[in-house]
C-alpha atoms as a PDB file:
ATOM      1  CA  UNK A   1       8.374   3.805  -2.257  1.00  0.00           C
ATOM      2  CA  UNK A   2       8.546   4.751   1.684  1.00  0.00           C
ATOM      3  CA  UNK A   3      11.215   4.644   3.819  1.00  0.00           C
ATOM      4  CA  UNK A   4      13.224   1.509   5.060  1.00  0.00           C
ATOM      5  CA  UNK A   5      12.619   1.303   8.536  1.00  0.00           C
ATOM      6  CA  UNK A   6      12.776  -2.132   8.316  1.00  0.00           C
ATOM      7  CA  UNK A   7      15.403  -3.293  10.227  1.00  0.00           C
ATOM      8  CA  UNK A   8      14.038  -1.370  13.587  1.00  0.00           C
ATOM      9  CA  UNK A   9      10.620  -1.513  13.740  1.00  0.00           C
ATOM     10  CA  UNK A  10       8.964  -4.942  15.998  1.00  0.00           C
ATOM     11  CA  UNK A  11       6.876  -6.883  14.075  1.00  0.00           C
ATOM     12  CA  UNK A  12       5.265 -10.311  14.519  1.00  0.00           C
ATOM     13  CA  UNK A  13       3.757 -12.773  12.324  1.00  0.00           C
ATOM     14  CA  UNK A  14      -0.222 -12.958  12.556  1.00  0.00           C
ATOM     15  CA  UNK A  15      -2.640 -14.321  10.982  1.00  0.00           C
ATOM     16  CA  UNK A  16      -6.541 -13.816   8.711  1.00  0.00           C
ATOM     17  CA  UNK A  17      -7.780 -15.324  11.939  1.00  0.00           C
ATOM     18  CA  UNK A  18      -6.485 -12.760  13.955  1.00  0.00           C
ATOM     19  CA  UNK A  19      -7.930  -9.678  12.148  1.00  0.00           C
ATOM     20  CA  UNK A  20     -11.176 -11.492  11.874  1.00  0.00           C
ATOM     21  CA  UNK A  21     -14.325  -8.548  12.649  1.00  0.00           C
ATOM     22  CA  UNK A  22     -11.815  -5.385  12.393  1.00  0.00           C
ATOM     23  CA  UNK A  23     -11.572  -2.337   9.627  1.00  0.00           C
ATOM     24  CA  UNK A  24      -8.361  -2.133   8.017  1.00  0.00           C
ATOM     25  CA  UNK A  25      -7.432   1.069   5.901  1.00  0.00           C
ATOM     26  CA  UNK A  26      -5.570   0.046   2.449  1.00  0.00           C
ATOM     27  CA  UNK A  27      -3.233   1.763   1.424  1.00  0.00           C
ATOM     28  CA  UNK A  28      -4.906   2.091  -2.391  1.00  0.00           C
ATOM     29  CA  UNK A  29      -2.354   3.001  -4.452  1.00  0.00           C
ATOM     30  CA  UNK A  30       0.602   0.995  -2.836  1.00  0.00           C
ATOM     31  CA  UNK A  31      -1.929  -1.956  -3.473  1.00  0.00           C
ATOM     32  CA  UNK A  32      -2.576  -0.740  -6.589  1.00  0.00           C
ATOM     33  CA  UNK A  33       0.567  -0.979  -7.847  1.00  0.00           C
ATOM     34  CA  UNK A  34       1.288  -4.752  -5.895  1.00  0.00           C
ATOM     35  CA  UNK A  35      -1.026  -6.106  -8.774  1.00  0.00           C
ATOM     36  CA  UNK A  36       0.061  -4.404 -11.384  1.00  0.00           C
ATOM     37  CA  UNK A  37       2.987  -5.535 -10.896  1.00  0.00           C
ATOM     38  CA  UNK A  38       2.930  -8.713  -9.501  1.00  0.00           C
ATOM     39  CA  UNK A  39      -0.401  -9.928 -12.064  1.00  0.00           C
ATOM     40  CA  UNK A  40       1.514 -10.303 -15.882  1.00  0.00           C
ATOM     41  CA  UNK A  41       2.372 -13.140 -17.659  1.00  0.00           C
ATOM     42  CA  UNK A  42       5.486 -15.089 -18.066  1.00  0.00           C
ATOM     43  CA  UNK A  43       7.016 -12.540 -20.298  1.00  0.00           C
ATOM     44  CA  UNK A  44       5.806  -9.692 -17.823  1.00  0.00           C
ATOM     45  CA  UNK A  45       2.849  -8.863 -20.076  1.00  0.00           C
ATOM     46  CA  UNK A  46       0.088  -7.448 -18.052  1.00  0.00           C
ATOM     47  CA  UNK A  47      -3.593  -8.761 -17.823  1.00  0.00           C
ATOM     48  CA  UNK A  48      -5.892  -6.907 -21.392  1.00  0.00           C
ATOM     49  CA  UNK A  49      -8.983  -7.115 -22.373  1.00  0.00           C
ATOM     50  CA  UNK A  50     -10.102  -7.047 -25.670  1.00  0.00           C
ATOM     51  CA  UNK A  51      -9.514  -2.600 -26.334  1.00  0.00           C
ATOM     52  CA  UNK A  52      -5.895  -3.505 -24.793  1.00  0.00           C
ATOM     53  CA  UNK A  53      -6.790  -2.224 -21.643  1.00  0.00           C
ATOM     54  CA  UNK A  54      -4.982  -2.930 -18.881  1.00  0.00           C
ATOM     55  CA  UNK A  55      -6.811  -5.069 -16.013  1.00  0.00           C
ATOM     56  CA  UNK A  56      -4.298  -6.322 -13.824  1.00  0.00           C
ATOM     57  CA  UNK A  57      -5.293  -4.037 -10.965  1.00  0.00           C
ATOM     58  CA  UNK A  58      -8.699  -4.974 -10.868  1.00  0.00           C
ATOM     59  CA  UNK A  59      -8.165  -8.668 -11.247  1.00  0.00           C
ATOM     60  CA  UNK A  60      -6.355  -8.243  -7.773  1.00  0.00           C
ATOM     61  CA  UNK A  61      -8.857  -6.063  -6.431  1.00  0.00           C
ATOM     62  CA  UNK A  62     -11.495  -8.244  -6.918  1.00  0.00           C
ATOM     63  CA  UNK A  63     -10.068 -11.813  -6.181  1.00  0.00           C
ATOM     64  CA  UNK A  64      -7.636 -10.361  -3.399  1.00  0.00           C
ATOM     65  CA  UNK A  65     -10.324  -8.489  -1.488  1.00  0.00           C
ATOM     66  CA  UNK A  66     -12.685 -11.355  -1.976  1.00  0.00           C
ATOM     67  CA  UNK A  67     -10.635 -13.872  -0.189  1.00  0.00           C
ATOM     68  CA  UNK A  68      -9.840 -11.479   2.869  1.00  0.00           C
ATOM     69  CA  UNK A  69     -13.371 -10.861   3.185  1.00  0.00           C
ATOM     70  CA  UNK A  70     -14.216 -14.014   3.123  1.00  0.00           C
ATOM     71  CA  UNK A  71     -12.160 -14.167   6.165  1.00  0.00           C
ATOM     72  CA  UNK A  72     -14.253 -11.655   7.868  1.00  0.00           C
ATOM     73  CA  UNK A  73     -11.923  -8.923   7.108  1.00  0.00           C
ATOM     74  CA  UNK A  74     -12.869  -5.267   6.278  1.00  0.00           C
ATOM     75  CA  UNK A  75     -11.294  -2.758   4.419  1.00  0.00           C
ATOM     76  CA  UNK A  76     -11.246   0.331   3.686  1.00  0.00           C
ATOM     77  CA  UNK A  77      -9.733   1.591   0.691  1.00  0.00           C
ATOM     78  CA  UNK A  78      -7.905   5.162   1.059  1.00  0.00           C
ATOM     79  CA  UNK A  79      -6.717   6.767  -2.019  1.00  0.00           C
ATOM     80  CA  UNK A  80      -3.679   9.539  -2.574  1.00  0.00           C
ATOM     81  CA  UNK A  81      -4.709  12.756  -3.046  1.00  0.00           C
ATOM     82  CA  UNK A  82      -2.421  16.225  -4.097  1.00  0.00           C
ATOM     83  CA  UNK A  83       0.899  15.333  -3.574  1.00  0.00           C
ATOM     84  CA  UNK A  84       3.468  17.758  -1.948  1.00  0.00           C
ATOM     85  CA  UNK A  85       5.959  19.790  -3.869  1.00  0.00           C
ATOM     86  CA  UNK A  86       8.483  18.270  -1.590  1.00  0.00           C
ATOM     87  CA  UNK A  87       7.568  14.609  -3.607  1.00  0.00           C
ATOM     88  CA  UNK A  88       8.558  16.367  -7.515  1.00  0.00           C
ATOM     89  CA  UNK A  89      12.140  14.821  -7.378  1.00  0.00           C
ATOM     90  CA  UNK A  90      11.194  11.651  -6.270  1.00  0.00           C
ATOM     91  CA  UNK A  91       8.316  11.169  -8.577  1.00  0.00           C
ATOM     92  CA  UNK A  92      10.689  13.127 -11.713  1.00  0.00           C
ATOM     93  CA  UNK A  93      13.062  10.320 -10.616  1.00  0.00           C
ATOM     94  CA  UNK A  94      10.335   7.671 -10.905  1.00  0.00           C
ATOM     95  CA  UNK A  95       9.531   8.710 -13.897  1.00  0.00           C
ATOM     96  CA  UNK A  96      12.539   8.758 -15.368  1.00  0.00           C
ATOM     97  CA  UNK A  97      13.457   4.607 -13.764  1.00  0.00           C
ATOM     98  CA  UNK A  98      10.301   3.659 -15.436  1.00  0.00           C
ATOM     99  CA  UNK A  99      11.200   5.038 -18.596  1.00  0.00           C
ATOM    100  CA  UNK A 100      14.634   2.881 -18.629  1.00  0.00           C
ATOM    101  CA  UNK A 101      13.027   0.074 -17.791  1.00  0.00           C
ATOM    102  CA  UNK A 102      10.352   0.237 -20.699  1.00  0.00           C
ATOM    103  CA  UNK A 103      12.974   0.174 -22.964  1.00  0.00           C
ATOM    104  CA  UNK A 104      15.015  -2.695 -21.018  1.00  0.00           C
ATOM    105  CA  UNK A 105      11.781  -4.651 -21.122  1.00  0.00           C
ATOM    106  CA  UNK A 106      11.246  -4.537 -25.283  1.00  0.00           C
ATOM    107  CA  UNK A 107      15.386  -5.466 -25.362  1.00  0.00           C
ATOM    108  CA  UNK A 108      14.880  -8.725 -23.192  1.00  0.00           C
ATOM    109  CA  UNK A 109      11.421  -9.522 -25.136  1.00  0.00           C
ATOM    110  CA  UNK A 110      13.304  -9.162 -28.104  1.00  0.00           C
ATOM    111  CA  UNK A 111      16.452 -11.583 -26.804  1.00  0.00           C
ATOM    112  CA  UNK A 112      13.866 -14.100 -25.670  1.00  0.00           C
ATOM    113  CA  UNK A 113      14.313 -13.316 -21.772  1.00  0.00           C
ATOM    114  CA  UNK A 114      11.214 -13.822 -20.682  1.00  0.00           C
ATOM    115  CA  UNK A 115      12.365 -13.365 -16.802  1.00  0.00           C
ATOM    116  CA  UNK A 116      14.426 -10.321 -17.219  1.00  0.00           C
ATOM    117  CA  UNK A 117      11.342  -8.997 -19.533  1.00  0.00           C
ATOM    118  CA  UNK A 118       9.291  -9.859 -16.753  1.00  0.00           C
ATOM    119  CA  UNK A 119      11.634  -8.327 -14.002  1.00  0.00           C
ATOM    120  CA  UNK A 120      12.402  -4.948 -16.222  1.00  0.00           C
ATOM    121  CA  UNK A 121       8.228  -4.975 -17.164  1.00  0.00           C
ATOM    122  CA  UNK A 122       7.779  -4.368 -12.977  1.00  0.00           C
ATOM    123  CA  UNK A 123       9.880  -1.810 -13.163  1.00  0.00           C
ATOM    124  CA  UNK A 124       7.407   0.261 -16.002  1.00  0.00           C
ATOM    125  CA  UNK A 125       4.774  -0.120 -13.631  1.00  0.00           C
ATOM    126  CA  UNK A 126       2.090   2.813 -13.666  1.00  0.00           C
ATOM    127  CA  UNK A 127      -1.125   3.927 -12.336  1.00  0.00           C
ATOM    128  CA  UNK A 128      -2.960   6.025 -14.349  1.00  0.00           C
ATOM    129  CA  UNK A 129      -5.606   8.114 -13.897  1.00  0.00           C
ATOM    130  CA  UNK A 130      -8.181   5.912 -15.518  1.00  0.00           C
ATOM    131  CA  UNK A 131      -7.067   3.016 -13.437  1.00  0.00           C
ATOM    132  CA  UNK A 132      -7.649   4.981 -10.119  1.00  0.00           C
ATOM    133  CA  UNK A 133     -11.139   5.753 -11.073  1.00  0.00           C
ATOM    134  CA  UNK A 134     -11.803   2.398 -12.164  1.00  0.00           C
ATOM    135  CA  UNK A 135     -10.212   1.177  -9.471  1.00  0.00           C
ATOM    136  CA  UNK A 136     -13.095   3.230  -7.385  1.00  0.00           C
ATOM    137  CA  UNK A 137     -15.395   2.412  -8.946  1.00  0.00           C
ATOM    138  CA  UNK A 138     -15.270  -1.658  -8.841  1.00  0.00           C
ATOM    139  CA  UNK A 139     -14.967  -1.136  -4.882  1.00  0.00           C
ATOM    140  CA  UNK A 140     -17.931   1.016  -5.259  1.00  0.00           C
ATOM    141  CA  UNK A 141     -19.333  -1.642  -7.136  1.00  0.00           C
ATOM    142  CA  UNK A 142     -18.514  -4.479  -4.312  1.00  0.00           C
ATOM    143  CA  UNK A 143     -20.187  -2.545  -1.398  1.00  0.00           C
ATOM    144  CA  UNK A 144     -16.802  -1.091   0.141  1.00  0.00           C
ATOM    145  CA  UNK A 145     -15.779   2.033   1.242  1.00  0.00           C
ATOM    146  CA  UNK A 146     -13.371   4.688  -0.520  1.00  0.00           C
ATOM    147  CA  UNK A 147     -11.971   7.428   1.042  1.00  0.00           C
ATOM    148  CA  UNK A 148     -10.286  10.274  -0.679  1.00  0.00           C
ATOM    149  CA  UNK A 149      -7.687  11.393   0.938  1.00  0.00           C
ATOM    150  CA  UNK A 150      -6.666  15.671   0.702  1.00  0.00           C
ATOM    151  CA  UNK A 151      -3.138  14.320   0.509  1.00  0.00           C
ATOM    152  CA  UNK A 152      -0.911  11.283   1.051  1.00  0.00           C
ATOM    153  CA  UNK A 153      -3.258   8.620   2.268  1.00  0.00           C
ATOM    154  CA  UNK A 154      -1.266   6.504   4.196  1.00  0.00           C
ATOM    155  CA  UNK A 155      -1.351  10.353   6.332  1.00  0.00           C
ATOM    156  CA  UNK A 156      -5.554   9.918   5.795  1.00  0.00           C
ATOM    157  CA  UNK A 157      -5.045   6.197   7.436  1.00  0.00           C
ATOM    158  CA  UNK A 158      -2.874   6.774  10.107  1.00  0.00           C
ATOM    159  CA  UNK A 159      -5.401   9.274  11.316  1.00  0.00           C
ATOM    160  CA  UNK A 160      -8.431   7.202  10.982  1.00  0.00           C
ATOM    161  CA  UNK A 161      -6.759   4.779  13.378  1.00  0.00           C
ATOM    162  CA  UNK A 162      -5.107   7.091  15.933  1.00  0.00           C
ATOM    163  CA  UNK A 163      -8.707   8.614  16.153  1.00  0.00           C
ATOM    164  CA  UNK A 164     -10.520   4.974  16.582  1.00  0.00           C
ATOM    165  CA  UNK A 165     -12.013   5.284  13.121  1.00  0.00           C
ATOM    166  CA  UNK A 166     -10.250   1.627  11.975  1.00  0.00           C
ATOM    167  CA  UNK A 167      -8.409  -0.720  13.699  1.00  0.00           C
ATOM    168  CA  UNK A 168      -4.981  -0.303  11.567  1.00  0.00           C
ATOM    169  CA  UNK A 169      -3.459   0.814   8.138  1.00  0.00           C
ATOM    170  CA  UNK A 170      -2.697  -1.625   6.043  1.00  0.00           C
ATOM    171  CA  UNK A 171       0.437  -1.101   3.668  1.00  0.00           C
ATOM    172  CA  UNK A 172       3.691  -2.658   2.189  1.00  0.00           C
ATOM    173  CA  UNK A 173       5.567   0.910   2.488  1.00  0.00           C
ATOM    174  CA  UNK A 174       6.325   1.661   6.747  1.00  0.00           C
ATOM    175  CA  UNK A 175       5.423   5.433   6.418  1.00  0.00           C
ATOM    176  CA  UNK A 176       1.909   4.937   8.266  1.00  0.00           C
ATOM    177  CA  UNK A 177       4.208   4.284  11.500  1.00  0.00           C
ATOM    178  CA  UNK A 178       5.793   8.171  10.702  1.00  0.00           C
ATOM    179  CA  UNK A 179       2.798   9.358   9.709  1.00  0.00           C
ATOM    180  CA  UNK A 180       1.081   8.482  13.736  1.00  0.00           C
ATOM    181  CA  UNK A 181      -0.472   4.837  12.865  1.00  0.00           C
ATOM    182  CA  UNK A 182      -0.662   3.215  16.049  1.00  0.00           C
ATOM    183  CA  UNK A 183      -0.711  -0.369  14.288  1.00  0.00           C
ATOM    184  CA  UNK A 184       0.721  -1.330  10.679  1.00  0.00           C
ATOM    185  CA  UNK A 185      -0.261  -4.415   8.707  1.00  0.00           C
ATOM    186  CA  UNK A 186       1.895  -5.933   5.823  1.00  0.00           C
ATOM    187  CA  UNK A 187       1.485  -7.943   3.432  1.00  0.00           C
ATOM    188  CA  UNK A 188      -2.496  -7.994   3.610  1.00  0.00           C
ATOM    189  CA  UNK A 189      -3.064  -8.660  -0.109  1.00  0.00           C
ATOM    190  CA  UNK A 190       0.334 -10.726  -0.977  1.00  0.00           C
ATOM    191  CA  UNK A 191      -0.303 -13.184   1.350  1.00  0.00           C
ATOM    192  CA  UNK A 192       0.615 -16.608   0.281  1.00  0.00           C
ATOM    193  CA  UNK A 193       3.242 -18.416  -1.846  1.00  0.00           C
ATOM    194  CA  UNK A 194       5.508 -16.144  -3.667  1.00  0.00           C
ATOM    195  CA  UNK A 195       8.437 -16.842  -6.479  1.00  0.00           C
ATOM    196  CA  UNK A 196      11.584 -15.175  -5.191  1.00  0.00           C
ATOM    197  CA  UNK A 197      12.729 -12.540  -8.315  1.00  0.00           C
ATOM    198  CA  UNK A 198      15.585 -13.994 -10.057  1.00  0.00           C
ATOM    199  CA  UNK A 199      15.226 -17.923  -8.505  1.00  0.00           C
ATOM    200  CA  UNK A 200      12.780 -20.728  -8.851  1.00  0.00           C
ATOM    201  CA  UNK A 201      12.352 -20.716  -5.553  1.00  0.00           C
ATOM    202  CA  UNK A 202       8.893 -20.109  -3.540  1.00  0.00           C
ATOM    203  CA  UNK A 203       8.434 -19.014  -0.020  1.00  0.00           C
ATOM    204  CA  UNK A 204       4.956 -18.397   2.104  1.00  0.00           C
ATOM    205  CA  UNK A 205       4.614 -14.910   3.111  1.00  0.00           C
ATOM    206  CA  UNK A 206       2.199 -14.301   6.122  1.00  0.00           C
ATOM    207  CA  UNK A 207       0.577 -10.819   7.665  1.00  0.00           C
ATOM    208  CA  UNK A 208       2.926  -8.859   9.856  1.00  0.00           C
ATOM    209  CA  UNK A 209       1.792  -6.545  12.346  1.00  0.00           C
ATOM    210  CA  UNK A 210       4.027  -3.800  14.241  1.00  0.00           C
ATOM    211  CA  UNK A 211       3.121  -1.977  16.661  1.00  0.00           C
ATOM    212  CA  UNK A 212       4.425   2.027  16.611  1.00  0.00           C
ATOM    213  CA  UNK A 213       4.317   2.206  21.018  1.00  0.00           C
ATOM    214  CA  UNK A 214       6.190  -1.232  20.567  1.00  0.00           C
ATOM    215  CA  UNK A 215       8.771  -0.094  17.907  1.00  0.00           C
ATOM    216  CA  UNK A 216       9.218   3.559  19.935  1.00  0.00           C
ATOM    217  CA  UNK A 217      10.029   1.674  22.813  1.00  0.00           C
ATOM    218  CA  UNK A 218      12.365  -1.116  22.186  1.00  0.00           C
ATOM    219  CA  UNK A 219      14.077   2.063  20.139  1.00  0.00           C
ATOM    220  CA  UNK A 220      14.199   4.269  22.993  1.00  0.00           C
ATOM    221  CA  UNK A 221      12.890   7.420  20.810  1.00  0.00           C
ATOM    222  CA  UNK A 222       9.669   9.513  20.327  1.00  0.00           C
ATOM    223  CA  UNK A 223       7.958   9.540  16.945  1.00  0.00           C
ATOM    224  CA  UNK A 224       9.293  12.505  16.322  1.00  0.00           C
ATOM    225  CA  UNK A 225      13.050  11.032  16.552  1.00  0.00           C
ATOM    226  CA  UNK A 226      11.826   8.161  14.078  1.00  0.00           C
ATOM    227  CA  UNK A 227      10.401  11.161  11.766  1.00  0.00           C
ATOM    228  CA  UNK A 228      14.641  12.388  11.995  1.00  0.00           C
ATOM    229  CA  UNK A 229      15.275   8.897  11.152  1.00  0.00           C
ATOM    230  CA  UNK A 230      13.646   8.387   8.291  1.00  0.00           C
ATOM    231  CA  UNK A 231      14.516  12.230   7.524  1.00  0.00           C
ATOM    232  CA  UNK A 232      18.522  11.118   7.781  1.00  0.00           C
ATOM    233  CA  UNK A 233      17.626   7.834   5.528  1.00  0.00           C
ATOM    234  CA  UNK A 234      15.520   9.350   2.742  1.00  0.00           C
ATOM    235  CA  UNK A 235      12.276   9.732   2.244  1.00  0.00           C
ATOM    236  CA  UNK A 236       9.819  10.383  -0.590  1.00  0.00           C
ATOM    237  CA  UNK A 237      10.129  14.208   0.551  1.00  0.00           C
ATOM    238  CA  UNK A 238      13.797  14.122   0.598  1.00  0.00           C
ATOM    239  CA  UNK A 239      17.225  12.732  -0.635  1.00  0.00           C
ATOM    240  CA  UNK A 240      19.275  10.539   2.237  1.00  0.00           C
ATOM    241  CA  UNK A 241      21.753  11.941   3.941  1.00  0.00           C
ATOM    242  CA  UNK A 242      25.221  10.086   2.663  1.00  0.00           C
ATOM    243  CA  UNK A 243      26.919   7.082   4.280  1.00  0.00           C
ATOM    244  CA  UNK A 244      23.864   7.218   6.463  1.00  0.00           C
ATOM    245  CA  UNK A 245      21.701   4.206   7.019  1.00  0.00           C
ATOM    246  CA  UNK A 246      18.723   3.156   9.437  1.00  0.00           C
ATOM    247  CA  UNK A 247      21.683   1.900  12.486  1.00  0.00           C
ATOM    248  CA  UNK A 248      23.489   4.692  12.305  1.00  0.00           C
ATOM    249  CA  UNK A 249      20.513   7.143  12.057  1.00  0.00           C
ATOM    250  CA  UNK A 250      19.318   5.436  15.205  1.00  0.00           C
ATOM    251  CA  UNK A 251      22.593   6.313  17.095  1.00  0.00           C
ATOM    252  CA  UNK A 252      22.224  10.038  15.902  1.00  0.00           C
ATOM    253  CA  UNK A 253      19.364  10.749  17.053  1.00  0.00           C
ATOM    254  CA  UNK A 254      19.346   9.300  20.461  1.00  0.00           C
ATOM    255  CA  UNK A 255      22.911  11.016  21.133  1.00  0.00           C
ATOM    256  CA  UNK A 256      21.772  14.445  19.619  1.00  0.00           C
ATOM    257  CA  UNK A 257      18.530  16.533  21.189  1.00  0.00           C
ATOM    258  CA  UNK A 258      17.670  18.622  17.451  1.00  0.00           C
ATOM    259  CA  UNK A 259      18.426  18.006  13.848  1.00  0.00           C
ATOM    260  CA  UNK A 260      20.460  20.910  13.957  1.00  0.00           C
ATOM    261  CA  UNK A 261      22.866  19.624  16.038  1.00  0.00           C
ATOM    262  CA  UNK A 262      22.438  15.951  14.085  1.00  0.00           C
ATOM    263  CA  UNK A 263      23.139  18.185  11.177  1.00  0.00           C
ATOM    264  CA  UNK A 264      26.715  19.726  11.842  1.00  0.00           C
ATOM    265  CA  UNK A 265      27.517  15.956  13.566  1.00  0.00           C
ATOM    266  CA  UNK A 266      27.414  15.096   9.908  1.00  0.00           C
ATOM    267  CA  UNK A 267      29.120  17.366   7.990  1.00  0.00           C
ATOM    268  CA  UNK A 268      26.264  17.453   5.464  1.00  0.00           C
ATOM    269  CA  UNK A 269      23.915  20.437   4.305  1.00  0.00           C
ATOM    270  CA  UNK A 270      20.634  19.396   2.932  1.00  0.00           C
ATOM    271  CA  UNK A 271      19.353  21.542  -0.047  1.00  0.00           C
ATOM    272  CA  UNK A 272      16.011  21.113   1.910  1.00  0.00           C
ATOM    273  CA  UNK A 273      14.261  22.521   5.079  1.00  0.00           C
ATOM    274  CA  UNK A 274      14.077  19.302   6.936  1.00  0.00           C
ATOM    275  CA  UNK A 275      11.126  21.293   8.890  1.00  0.00           C
ATOM    276  CA  UNK A 276       9.009  20.910   5.714  1.00  0.00           C
ATOM    277  CA  UNK A 277       9.499  17.496   5.722  1.00  0.00           C
ATOM    278  CA  UNK A 278       9.208  17.175   9.466  1.00  0.00           C
ATOM    279  CA  UNK A 279       5.676  18.833   9.727  1.00  0.00           C
ATOM    280  CA  UNK A 280       4.645  16.202   6.702  1.00  0.00           C
ATOM    281  CA  UNK A 281       4.455  13.957   8.606  1.00  0.00           C
ATOM    282  CA  UNK A 282       3.813  15.445  12.149  1.00  0.00           C
ATOM    283  CA  UNK A 283       0.977  17.552  10.981  1.00  0.00           C
ATOM    284  CA  UNK A 284      -0.465  15.725   8.310  1.00  0.00           C
ATOM    285  CA  UNK A 285      -3.255  17.143   6.215  1.00  0.00           C
ATOM    286  CA  UNK A 286      -6.252  15.024   6.693  1.00  0.00           C
ATOM    287  CA  UNK A 287     -10.384  14.843   5.912  1.00  0.00           C
ATOM    288  CA  UNK A 288     -13.007  14.609   7.813  1.00  0.00           C
ATOM    289  CA  UNK A 289     -15.076  14.090   4.960  1.00  0.00           C
ATOM    290  CA  UNK A 290     -15.556  10.542   4.420  1.00  0.00           C
ATOM    291  CA  UNK A 291     -17.956   7.499   5.927  1.00  0.00           C
ATOM    292  CA  UNK A 292     -16.865   4.302   6.396  1.00  0.00           C
ATOM    293  CA  UNK A 293     -20.190   2.130   4.981  1.00  0.00           C
ATOM    294  CA  UNK A 294     -20.418  -1.562   4.068  1.00  0.00           C
ATOM    295  CA  UNK A 295     -23.209  -2.593   1.456  1.00  0.00           C
ATOM    296  CA  UNK A 296     -23.680  -6.400  -0.204  1.00  0.00           C
ATOM    297  CA  UNK A 297     -21.846  -6.394  -3.743  1.00  0.00           C
ATOM    298  CA  UNK A 298     -23.784  -4.847  -6.830  1.00  0.00           C
ATOM    299  CA  UNK A 299     -24.098  -8.151  -8.729  1.00  0.00           C
ATOM    300  CA  UNK A 300     -25.437  -7.107 -11.665  1.00  0.00           C
ATOM    301  CA  UNK A 301     -23.863  -3.786 -11.783  1.00  0.00           C
ATOM    302  CA  UNK A 302     -20.126  -6.391 -11.379  1.00  0.00           C
ATOM    303  CA  UNK A 303     -20.652  -8.598 -14.038  1.00  0.00           C
ATOM    304  CA  UNK A 304     -21.641  -5.314 -16.412  1.00  0.00           C
ATOM    305  CA  UNK A 305     -18.098  -3.932 -15.520  1.00  0.00           C
ATOM    306  CA  UNK A 306     -16.060  -6.653 -15.338  1.00  0.00           C
ATOM    307  CA  UNK A 307     -17.613  -9.021 -17.514  1.00  0.00           C
ATOM    308  CA  UNK A 308     -19.410  -7.298 -20.696  1.00  0.00           C
ATOM    309  CA  UNK A 309     -16.940  -4.429 -20.852  1.00  0.00           C
ATOM    310  CA  UNK A 310     -13.595  -5.791 -19.996  1.00  0.00           C
ATOM    311  CA  UNK A 311     -14.004  -9.553 -20.879  1.00  0.00           C
ATOM    312  CA  UNK A 312     -13.186 -10.872 -17.435  1.00  0.00           C
ATOM    313  CA  UNK A 313     -14.801 -14.595 -16.734  1.00  0.00           C
ATOM    314  CA  UNK A 314     -18.195 -14.842 -15.618  1.00  0.00           C
ATOM    315  CA  UNK A 315     -17.954 -17.641 -13.730  1.00  0.00           C
ATOM    316  CA  UNK A 316     -14.744 -16.650 -11.651  1.00  0.00           C
ATOM    317  CA  UNK A 317     -16.690 -13.413 -10.959  1.00  0.00           C
ATOM    318  CA  UNK A 318     -19.593 -14.910  -9.569  1.00  0.00           C
ATOM    319  CA  UNK A 319     -17.534 -16.794  -7.426  1.00  0.00           C
ATOM    320  CA  UNK A 320     -15.755 -13.819  -6.389  1.00  0.00           C
ATOM    321  CA  UNK A 321     -19.275 -12.205  -5.824  1.00  0.00           C
ATOM    322  CA  UNK A 322     -20.506 -15.267  -3.694  1.00  0.00           C
ATOM    323  CA  UNK A 323     -17.711 -14.887  -1.243  1.00  0.00           C
ATOM    324  CA  UNK A 324     -17.847 -11.728  -0.141  1.00  0.00           C
ATOM    325  CA  UNK A 325     -21.905 -12.554  -0.296  1.00  0.00           C
ATOM    326  CA  UNK A 326     -21.122 -16.208   1.751  1.00  0.00           C
ATOM    327  CA  UNK A 327     -19.047 -14.423   4.243  1.00  0.00           C
ATOM    328  CA  UNK A 328     -22.168 -11.943   4.936  1.00  0.00           C
ATOM    329  CA  UNK A 329     -24.902 -14.602   5.331  1.00  0.00           C
ATOM    330  CA  UNK A 330     -23.347 -17.341   7.272  1.00  0.00           C
ATOM    331  CA  UNK A 331     -24.806 -18.354  10.733  1.00  0.00           C
ATOM    332  CA  UNK A 332     -25.724 -15.600  12.908  1.00  0.00           C
ATOM    333  CA  UNK A 333     -27.406 -13.899   9.654  1.00  0.00           C
ATOM    334  CA  UNK A 334     -28.734 -10.709  10.972  1.00  0.00           C
ATOM    335  CA  UNK A 335     -25.489 -10.009  13.569  1.00  0.00           C
ATOM    336  CA  UNK A 336     -23.130 -10.628  10.987  1.00  0.00           C
ATOM    337  CA  UNK A 337     -24.830  -8.041   8.643  1.00  0.00           C
ATOM    338  CA  UNK A 338     -25.160  -5.535  11.126  1.00  0.00           C
ATOM    339  CA  UNK A 339     -21.451  -5.648  12.488  1.00  0.00           C
ATOM    340  CA  UNK A 340     -20.519  -5.611   8.492  1.00  0.00           C
ATOM    341  CA  UNK A 341     -22.754  -2.566   8.220  1.00  0.00           C
ATOM    342  CA  UNK A 342     -22.696  -0.656  11.446  1.00  0.00           C
END
């Protein structure tokens, strides 16, 4: 998912203390896919309730978000809306990959190859409409703001950030920078020790902050040319130009003043209109219909939704709720509540 700009951006390692007291717009779809992929058994099977409903996404949302709030970071979850028609090819390709992964997952399970099975299970992850609705309901019960984007969630979050509504966007993808987010935070919900795929090795993952301004200055380009780089190396809305990676794309956009010149220089005539893709990033759809309001968690509602209906451990859920409440009720209670709920 997203554009591979990792080798070009200016990033620096940060910690939760640095983000304390700040409001972050979390890319909800990106985060839910992470939880569905990571929170699995050794054989790749997701967490499920007694009715066979997947609950990995809800587990991640509750426990990892509680840890974020415990550190006095304020998450606002932004959900994708109607996808662009230009995304259809990408969606079809992902569907094909998922179908193939499901077949390979079952084969690996039969052969007792658990690590291989887990790898294919992660590739076969699906995010259903029901899961999205469940996630929104859980977040509301936790007292956290939910924002519905008209189209791309990262576009909505980026404009919210550029207008000073939030501090930064939080996502693993770099697309928010293309949409104009001044600051992107990565690894917010995956911070900690993580096992490397296919190896018995664990690494520490820390949050990263990426500045759009610093990135553009270091590359010597403007945001429009950053979008051109993305188009050249491939986005969710277009196929990449053959034989072009991030470094070569950077050379091309610095050498030429128009994308038409770049097309001539590459000798590749794309089957899409680059101007349509450019417009998605430079003129994104945005909604003013949202409210950033934090509330105390609905303890009874959470226990009913998670424990009574989905077999979550009441003890673990209670601890997560206490983490959230404690973040609001420490020293200086009224000032802290005012800061959270303003």
